Amino acid sequence: MGFSIWIDWGEEFKNPDKWINHGRDVLVSSCNCEGGAKEKDWCEDCDISEDNCNPMMNFIYPLELKDFDEDKILKVVKNTNCSVMENQETGEWFLVLCGGGMDLSQDIALSYIFLEKWIPEDLITQVCKQRGFSISKDNFEILKKEIIEQSKHYNNKFNQLEKDWEAI
């Protein structure tokens, strides 16, 4: 996928103040169990482990918007294999993959829908069409509906572009 940016997390985490893992922070703060994640960074009752929301793959996916509300970030963390991170040095926000080993294009696209309401043009053509591949049935239906709607928008956009070029 051409919209991802390669990053070496091994190098990046040598400077721990550079990145804020908003997904991890929101997940931990969502735990209200006594002696839970807020106190020890993990909670069995809430299914929060020390590994939740940590980047696993060396790719990041740029987000256009900034300062997302916690509900949207928590929705990403609980429904996809992604988290949301902010680069403190640049102020840029990114999706990161917290799982690997298969095509997670559905998770990435669904995360964009939850956070920004649209899927980047480079990604929308690359999303896996297999139902139930890496997201739940309900989330697949959300993804399917949004891809169909956005495809219509992109189709109109390219039809207009074609007309504009033909008019020259």
Protein backbone atom coordinates (compact mmCIF):
# COMPACT_ATOMS: atom_id res chain seq x y z
CA MET A 1 0.00 0.00 0.00
CA GLY A 2 1.50 3.27 -1.13
CA PHE A 3 0.09 5.45 1.61
CA SER A 4 2.07 3.86 4.46
CA ILE A 5 5.36 5.20 5.76
CA TRP A 6 8.11 2.85 6.91
CA ILE A 7 9.43 3.50 10.41
CA ASP A 8 11.93 1.69 12.61
CA TRP A 9 10.21 1.48 15.99
CA GLY A 10 13.36 0.03 17.54
CA GLU A 11 15.12 3.31 16.80
CA GLU A 12 12.12 5.51 17.52
CA PHE A 13 11.60 4.10 21.02
CA LYS A 14 15.17 4.97 21.99
CA ASN A 15 13.68 8.43 22.51
CA PRO A 16 10.60 7.64 24.65
CA ASP A 17 9.44 11.27 24.81
CA LYS A 18 9.05 11.49 21.03
CA TRP A 19 5.80 9.53 20.75
CA ILE A 20 2.50 9.54 22.63
CA ASN A 21 0.48 6.35 22.24
CA HIS A 22 -3.00 7.85 22.59
CA GLY A 23 -4.63 4.47 21.94
CA ARG A 24 -2.80 2.88 24.84
CA ASP A 25 -3.51 5.84 27.13
CA VAL A 26 -7.23 5.84 26.32
CA LEU A 27 -7.52 2.07 26.74
CA VAL A 28 -5.84 2.14 30.15
CA SER A 29 -7.95 5.11 31.30
CA SER A 30 -11.15 3.29 30.20
CA CYS A 31 -10.59 0.67 32.91
CA ASN A 32 -12.57 1.39 36.07
CA CYS A 33 -11.65 -1.77 37.94
CA GLU A 34 -10.17 -1.43 41.41
CA GLY A 35 -6.49 -2.28 41.12
CA GLY A 36 -6.91 -2.37 37.33
CA ALA A 37 -5.04 -0.88 34.41
CA LYS A 38 -4.87 2.64 35.82
CA GLU A 39 -2.76 1.34 38.68
CA LYS A 40 -0.74 -1.43 37.08
CA ASP A 41 -1.01 -0.85 33.30
CA TRP A 42 -2.97 -4.10 32.74
CA CYS A 43 -6.30 -5.57 33.82
CA GLU A 44 -7.55 -9.11 33.34
CA ASP A 45 -11.20 -8.10 33.83
CA CYS A 46 -11.00 -5.52 31.01
CA ASP A 47 -8.78 -7.74 28.84
CA ILE A 48 -6.02 -5.11 28.91
CA SER A 49 -2.51 -6.52 28.73
CA GLU A 50 0.86 -4.80 28.75
CA ASP A 51 1.08 -5.41 24.98
CA ASN A 52 -2.24 -3.81 23.98
CA CYS A 53 -1.94 -0.95 21.49
CA ASN A 54 1.81 -1.10 21.06
CA PRO A 55 3.11 -0.78 17.48
CA MET A 56 4.04 -4.16 16.09
CA MET A 57 4.73 -3.47 12.43
CA ASN A 58 7.19 -0.92 11.07
CA PHE A 59 4.59 1.11 9.18
CA ILE A 60 2.61 4.19 10.10
CA TYR A 61 -0.41 5.67 8.33
CA PRO A 62 -0.78 9.46 8.38
CA LEU A 63 -3.91 11.07 9.76
CA GLU A 64 -5.01 14.46 8.47
CA LEU A 65 -6.97 15.53 11.52
CA LYS A 66 -5.44 16.22 14.93
CA ASP A 67 -6.59 15.94 18.53
CA PHE A 68 -9.20 13.19 18.22
CA ASP A 69 -11.64 12.71 21.05
CA GLU A 70 -11.06 9.75 23.32
CA ASP A 71 -14.27 7.97 22.28
CA LYS A 72 -13.11 7.74 18.66
CA ILE A 73 -9.67 6.50 19.67
CA LEU A 74 -11.17 3.91 22.03
CA LYS A 75 -13.45 2.73 19.20
CA VAL A 76 -10.36 2.19 17.01
CA VAL A 77 -8.49 0.34 19.74
CA LYS A 78 -11.40 -1.93 20.66
CA ASN A 79 -12.54 -2.73 17.09
CA THR A 80 -9.33 -2.95 15.07
CA ASN A 81 -5.71 -4.04 15.29
CA CYS A 82 -4.66 -0.38 15.27
CA SER A 83 -3.73 2.37 17.68
CA VAL A 84 -3.31 6.13 17.35
CA MET A 85 0.05 7.77 18.01
CA GLU A 86 1.29 11.33 17.96
CA ASN A 87 4.81 12.42 17.10
CA GLN A 88 5.64 15.03 19.75
CA GLU A 89 8.41 16.58 17.63
CA THR A 90 6.25 17.24 14.55
CA GLY A 91 2.72 17.27 15.98
CA GLU A 92 1.69 14.71 13.35
CA TRP A 93 -0.77 11.90 14.17
CA PHE A 94 -0.66 8.37 12.76
CA LEU A 95 -2.41 5.03 12.81
CA VAL A 96 -0.12 2.17 13.78
CA LEU A 97 -0.63 -1.56 13.45
CA CYS A 98 -0.71 -3.51 16.70
CA GLY A 99 -0.98 -6.88 15.02
CA GLY A 100 0.57 -8.54 12.05
CA GLY A 101 0.86 -11.64 9.97
CA MET A 102 -1.97 -10.99 7.54
CA ASP A 103 -3.64 -8.31 5.47
CA LEU A 104 -4.92 -5.71 7.93
CA SER A 105 -6.25 -3.33 5.27
CA GLN A 106 -9.78 -3.69 6.67
CA ASP A 107 -8.58 -2.62 10.12
CA ILE A 108 -6.72 0.37 8.72
CA ALA A 109 -9.65 1.48 6.55
CA LEU A 110 -12.13 1.04 9.42
CA SER A 111 -9.86 3.08 11.68
CA TYR A 112 -9.86 5.91 9.14
CA ILE A 113 -13.67 5.75 9.06
CA PHE A 114 -13.92 5.92 12.85
CA LEU A 115 -11.44 8.79 13.11
CA GLU A 116 -11.78 10.85 9.95
CA LYS A 117 -15.01 9.61 8.32
CA TRP A 118 -13.22 8.82 5.04
CA ILE A 119 -10.70 6.37 3.64
CA PRO A 120 -7.65 7.73 1.78
CA GLU A 121 -7.91 7.33 -1.96
CA ASP A 122 -4.76 5.18 -2.14
CA LEU A 123 -6.17 2.77 0.44
CA ILE A 124 -9.76 2.39 -0.71
CA THR A 125 -8.78 0.33 -3.77
CA GLN A 126 -6.55 -1.94 -1.67
CA VAL A 127 -8.99 -3.02 1.06
CA CYS A 128 -9.48 -6.78 1.28
CA LYS A 129 -13.00 -7.73 0.14
CA GLN A 130 -13.19 -10.98 2.12
CA ARG A 131 -16.01 -10.84 4.66
CA GLY A 132 -14.92 -11.55 8.23
CA PHE A 133 -11.23 -11.48 7.32
CA SER A 134 -9.88 -9.36 10.18
CA ILE A 135 -12.86 -7.40 11.55
CA SER A 136 -16.24 -8.41 12.96
CA LYS A 137 -19.34 -8.94 10.82
CA ASP A 138 -20.93 -5.69 12.04
CA ASN A 139 -17.76 -3.71 11.37
CA PHE A 140 -17.46 -5.29 7.93
CA GLU A 141 -20.93 -3.95 7.11
CA ILE A 142 -19.87 -0.45 8.24
CA LEU A 143 -16.75 -0.73 6.09
CA LYS A 144 -18.68 -2.03 3.09
CA LYS A 145 -21.26 0.77 3.28
CA GLU A 146 -18.56 3.46 3.54
CA ILE A 147 -16.50 2.04 0.69
CA ILE A 148 -19.56 1.99 -1.56
CA GLU A 149 -20.43 5.61 -0.65
CA GLN A 150 -16.87 6.83 -1.06
CA SER A 151 -16.48 4.94 -4.34
CA LYS A 152 -19.43 6.90 -5.70
CA HIS A 153 -17.76 10.13 -4.60
CA TYR A 154 -14.45 9.17 -6.19
CA ASN A 155 -16.27 8.08 -9.35
CA ASN A 156 -17.95 11.50 -9.62
CA LYS A 157 -14.63 13.20 -8.94
CA PHE A 158 -12.85 11.29 -11.71
CA ASN A 159 -15.74 11.71 -14.16
CA GLN A 160 -15.50 15.47 -13.62
CA LEU A 161 -11.73 15.34 -14.03
CA GLU A 162 -12.20 13.50 -17.32
CA LYS A 163 -14.68 16.14 -18.53
CA ASP A 164 -12.37 18.95 -17.48
CA TRP A 165 -9.48 17.45 -19.44
CA GLU A 166 -11.64 16.77 -22.48
CA ALA A 167 -12.72 20.41 -22.46
CA ILE A 168 -9.15 21.65 -22.79
